[in-house]
Each structure stands twice: as structure tokens, then as C-alpha cells.
Protein backbone atom coordinates (compact mmCIF):
# COMPACT_ATOMS: atom_id res chain seq x y z
CA UNK A 1 0.00 0.00 0.00
CA UNK A 2 1.45 3.35 -1.03
CA UNK A 3 -0.06 6.67 0.00
CA UNK A 4 1.44 9.84 -1.42
CA UNK A 5 0.59 13.36 -0.32
CA UNK A 6 2.44 15.71 -2.63
CA UNK A 7 0.53 18.91 -1.91
CA UNK A 8 1.35 20.76 1.29
CA UNK A 9 -2.09 21.06 2.79
CA UNK A 10 -2.56 21.89 6.47
CA UNK A 11 -2.99 18.67 8.45
CA UNK A 12 -2.82 20.14 11.92
CA UNK A 13 0.11 22.05 13.36
CA UNK A 14 2.81 23.63 11.25
CA UNK A 15 6.48 23.48 12.19
CA UNK A 16 8.73 26.39 12.93
CA UNK A 17 12.31 25.88 11.65
CA UNK A 18 13.48 24.01 14.76
CA UNK A 19 10.68 21.50 14.23
CA UNK A 20 12.40 20.44 11.02
CA UNK A 21 15.69 19.87 12.81
CA UNK A 22 17.01 16.97 14.86
CA UNK A 23 18.38 18.75 17.94
CA UNK A 24 17.31 21.14 20.69
CA UNK A 25 19.27 24.42 21.02
CA UNK A 26 21.44 22.65 23.64
CA UNK A 27 22.29 19.95 21.02
CA UNK A 28 20.32 17.21 22.77
CA UNK A 29 18.24 15.02 20.47
CA UNK A 30 14.60 15.96 19.88
CA UNK A 31 12.30 12.97 20.48
CA UNK A 32 8.59 12.30 20.07
CA UNK A 33 8.17 13.16 23.76
CA UNK A 34 9.21 16.79 23.28
CA UNK A 35 8.96 17.61 19.57
CA UNK A 36 5.48 19.05 20.06
CA UNK A 37 6.98 21.99 21.94
CA UNK A 38 8.21 23.28 18.59
CA UNK A 39 5.01 22.90 16.64
CA UNK A 40 2.83 25.80 15.59
CA UNK A 41 -0.90 25.55 16.25
CA UNK A 42 -2.25 29.02 15.38
CA UNK A 43 -4.42 30.36 18.18
CA UNK A 44 -4.03 27.35 20.49
CA UNK A 45 -2.98 28.16 24.05
CA UNK A 46 0.38 26.83 25.14
CA UNK A 47 1.68 26.40 21.60
CA UNK A 48 4.08 28.39 19.46
CA UNK A 49 1.25 30.14 17.59
CA UNK A 50 -1.08 31.02 20.46
CA UNK A 51 -0.62 34.78 19.99
CA UNK A 52 -1.98 34.60 16.45
CA UNK A 53 -5.56 34.32 17.72
CA UNK A 54 -5.51 38.09 18.22
CA UNK A 55 -4.57 38.81 14.61
CA UNK A 56 -7.19 40.32 12.28
CA UNK A 57 -9.19 37.76 10.32
CA UNK A 58 -7.72 34.82 12.26
CA UNK A 59 -11.20 33.42 12.86
CA UNK A 60 -11.77 33.43 9.10
CA UNK A 61 -8.71 31.32 8.34
CA UNK A 62 -6.45 29.98 11.07
CA UNK A 63 -9.19 28.86 13.43
CA UNK A 64 -10.63 26.44 10.90
CA UNK A 65 -7.20 24.93 10.21
CA UNK A 66 -6.37 23.89 13.77
CA UNK A 67 -8.67 22.17 16.25
CA UNK A 68 -7.14 23.17 19.58
CA UNK A 69 -9.02 20.42 21.44
CA UNK A 70 -6.73 17.92 19.72
CA UNK A 71 -3.56 19.32 21.29
CA UNK A 72 -3.88 17.78 24.80
CA UNK A 73 -4.79 14.35 23.38
CA UNK A 74 -1.93 14.53 20.89
CA UNK A 75 0.62 15.51 23.53
CA UNK A 76 -0.60 12.99 26.09
CA UNK A 77 -0.50 10.15 23.58
CA UNK A 78 3.06 10.98 22.53
CA UNK A 79 4.29 11.45 26.09
CA UNK A 80 3.01 8.00 27.02
CA UNK A 81 4.18 6.22 23.86
CA UNK A 82 7.35 4.21 23.50
CA UNK A 83 9.88 4.82 20.75
CA UNK A 84 13.17 3.28 19.67
CA UNK A 85 15.94 4.85 17.59
CA UNK A 86 16.76 2.70 14.57
CA UNK A 87 19.73 2.56 12.21
CA UNK A 88 19.73 0.93 8.79
CA UNK A 89 21.26 1.28 5.34
CA UNK A 90 19.75 2.42 2.09
CA UNK A 91 19.09 -0.20 -0.55
CA UNK A 92 21.79 -0.51 -3.22
CA UNK A 93 20.71 1.12 -6.48
CA UNK A 94 21.51 0.08 -10.06
CA UNK A 95 23.06 3.36 -11.23
CA UNK A 96 25.82 4.14 -8.77
CA UNK A 97 23.64 5.34 -5.89
CA UNK A 98 25.72 5.43 -2.72
CA UNK A 99 24.68 3.14 0.13
CA UNK A 100 24.50 5.33 3.23
CA UNK A 101 23.69 4.87 6.91
CA UNK A 102 20.22 6.12 7.79
CA UNK A 103 18.40 6.80 11.04
CA UNK A 104 14.82 6.98 12.22
CA UNK A 105 12.25 6.21 14.90
CA UNK A 106 10.30 3.01 15.54
CA UNK A 107 6.92 3.91 17.04
CA UNK A 108 5.11 0.72 18.07
CA UNK A 109 1.50 0.61 19.12
CA UNK A 110 0.01 -2.68 17.95
CA UNK A 111 0.90 -6.30 18.72
CA UNK A 112 4.32 -7.69 17.67
CA UNK A 113 4.32 -8.50 13.98
CA UNK A 114 1.38 -6.18 13.26
CA UNK A 115 1.08 -3.90 10.22
CA UNK A 116 3.53 -1.03 9.81
CA UNK A 117 3.41 2.20 7.84
CA UNK A 118 6.77 3.70 6.82
CA UNK A 119 6.06 7.43 6.84
CA UNK A 120 8.43 9.65 4.85
CA UNK A 121 9.11 13.37 5.43
CA UNK A 122 9.49 15.92 2.65
CA UNK A 123 12.33 18.09 1.32
CA UNK A 124 14.31 19.78 4.05
CA UNK A 125 12.31 17.96 6.72
CA UNK A 126 13.14 15.32 9.30
CA UNK A 127 11.26 12.78 11.38
CA UNK A 128 10.29 15.78 13.55
CA UNK A 129 8.30 17.56 10.83
CA UNK A 130 4.84 18.46 12.09
CA UNK A 131 2.81 16.92 9.27
CA UNK A 132 4.72 13.67 9.73
CA UNK A 133 4.24 13.65 13.50
CA UNK A 134 0.52 14.37 13.15
CA UNK A 135 0.09 11.52 10.65
CA UNK A 136 2.13 9.20 12.88
CA UNK A 137 -0.21 9.95 15.78
CA UNK A 138 -3.35 9.36 13.72
CA UNK A 139 -1.98 6.11 12.29
CA UNK A 140 -1.08 4.80 15.74
CA UNK A 141 -4.50 5.67 17.15
CA UNK A 142 -5.87 3.53 14.29
CA UNK A 143 -3.66 0.60 15.34
CA UNK A 144 -0.77 0.91 12.89
CA UNK A 145 2.85 0.74 13.99
CA UNK A 146 4.93 3.49 12.39
CA UNK A 147 8.52 3.87 11.21
CA UNK A 148 9.80 7.40 10.57
CA UNK A 149 13.02 7.42 8.51
CA UNK A 150 15.35 10.35 7.85
CA UNK A 151 16.40 10.59 4.22
CA UNK A 152 20.12 10.89 3.48
CA UNK A 153 21.51 14.30 4.40
CA UNK A 154 18.39 14.99 6.50
CA UNK A 155 18.15 14.87 10.28
CA UNK A 156 20.75 12.53 11.77
CA UNK A 157 21.19 10.38 8.65
CA UNK A 158 24.55 10.29 6.90
CA UNK A 159 25.23 12.45 3.86
CA UNK A 160 26.36 11.15 0.47
CA UNK A 161 29.41 12.54 -1.30
CA UNK A 162 27.25 14.85 -3.43
CA UNK A 163 25.47 17.86 -1.94
CA UNK A 164 22.21 18.31 -3.79
CA UNK A 165 18.55 17.32 -3.56
CA UNK A 166 18.51 14.15 -5.65
CA UNK A 167 14.77 13.42 -5.64
CA UNK A 168 14.20 10.36 -7.83
CA UNK A 169 17.86 9.34 -8.09
CA UNK A 170 18.68 8.02 -4.63
CA UNK A 171 15.90 9.00 -2.18
CA UNK A 172 13.71 6.06 -3.30
CA UNK A 173 16.50 3.70 -2.23
CA UNK A 174 16.53 5.31 1.21
CA UNK A 175 12.82 4.65 1.59
CA UNK A 176 13.24 1.13 0.21
CA UNK A 177 16.04 0.60 2.72
CA UNK A 178 13.57 1.47 5.49
CA UNK A 179 11.01 -0.89 3.95
CA UNK A 180 13.61 -3.70 3.77
CA UNK A 181 14.50 -3.07 7.41
CA UNK A 182 10.89 -3.37 8.54
CA UNK A 183 10.16 -6.48 6.46
CA UNK A 184 13.29 -8.31 7.64
CA UNK A 185 13.83 -6.83 11.13
CA UNK A 186 17.55 -7.74 11.15
CA UNK A 187 18.13 -6.20 14.59
CA UNK A 188 15.14 -7.89 16.21
CA UNK A 189 13.61 -4.66 17.52
CA UNK A 190 10.44 -4.49 15.40
CA UNK A 191 8.68 -7.63 16.56
CA UNK A 192 10.15 -9.98 13.96
CA UNK A 193 10.04 -10.25 10.16
CA UNK A 194 6.78 -9.41 8.42
CA UNK A 195 5.05 -10.36 5.22
CA UNK A 196 5.66 -7.61 2.67
CA UNK A 197 1.92 -7.02 2.43
CA UNK A 198 1.98 -5.85 6.07
CA UNK A 199 4.29 -2.91 5.34
CA UNK A 200 2.91 0.22 3.67
CA UNK A 201 4.61 3.37 2.41
CA UNK A 202 3.30 6.90 2.88
CA UNK A 203 4.84 10.31 2.41
CA UNK A 204 4.30 14.05 2.32
CA UNK A 205 5.48 16.46 -0.37
CA UNK A 206 8.85 15.15 -1.64
CA UNK A 207 8.27 12.14 0.61
CA UNK A 208 5.04 11.50 -1.27
CA UNK A 209 6.93 11.73 -4.57
CA UNK A 210 9.51 9.31 -3.18
CA UNK A 211 6.85 6.85 -2.00
């Protein structure tokens, strides 16, 4: 199953720049337990965009984009959820694509061996991107385990020797590397190997293109 969201529609909160990064200002790693502190929910109290509720015309636009009642449930769910850092390699490509070391999060919610959605961030994003985190929450509340991978040269993943956005050249092999990792579970941290039909791919923006 492949789900691709190429357009950048508002799904819930929107990230400020730190929300697309991997580290806090003190260089400690951002995790799912604290990433929500950097998300922007226009008009919602206790979030980065709470002051926007006083802006002219906010009720005609921003208020219908963000349902503030979701914020406590979202934060409570994440604070009580387990997560495991994972490391894996990209799949080897046929045209000289470099095999690089990649990182991500394993977010389990269902029984061992249950279905998994590999959820891919977009250009310039990381596993901390707000749209990705929102989708990961919704998928887990529906009973799906989630893997969030960082593409090469994004987040804490290794960089290739080239320094450009490669889109269809090597990013698909990063996502396929994550898919291989979930299907085979070589490190024994995902509940065991799975049938390929139990592992779906989903992405936003460039991640949707990649998926």
C-alpha cells in the first residue's frame, strides 16, 4: 500500500524551523516526547502560535485549520508512547547510488508483527516535521505501527558525497532501505520479520513523490 501526499495542505500544526531539525538548542536530540513543543498551532494556548488568535481575520482562516481540542490528546499520547531509535542502510541502487547509513524512529502501538506504515518526510524535513508527527499519531491511534526514517543528508542520517537534492535518483532507495529493514527486522527490535503485504509506504510532499 502506497499513500502519497504531494501537496502541502494543512494537516494540523505547522512546524517552525526548529521543528524540522534533529536537535534542541542545547544539542540534545529531539524525540517524540518533546517535539510538540516546537510545533505551531495558530491560536491554540500553550503552543508556538497562540498569539496569532488576536490577529485580524484569524477566525476566518487559522481557526478552521487547527482544532485546539486535539492538542492535549496529541501531547498525552506521545508522552506515554514508546519509541526506539533505529539505524539501517539504504538499498543498493543500479546506477551508482551510494549506500549510506540512515536513522529513524520506531513507534510501536500494535501487537508484535502487526502492520507497519513507513512514513516519509518531505524536502528539508526530518522525522520531527509536524505533518509527519501528526500523521504518525493518527496512524497509531488507528492501530498501525509506524517507522519514521530520515532521508540521506536529513536529520541525523549520513550524507552522500554529493550535496544536492537528488529526488528520484537516490531517495527512493533510502525509503526502500527502510522498507527492507521493517520487512526483515535484522536487529530484532520491530517484533520480527513481516510479510511484505503488512508494510505500507506513505509520504508528504517530496516524501510523497519518493513513495
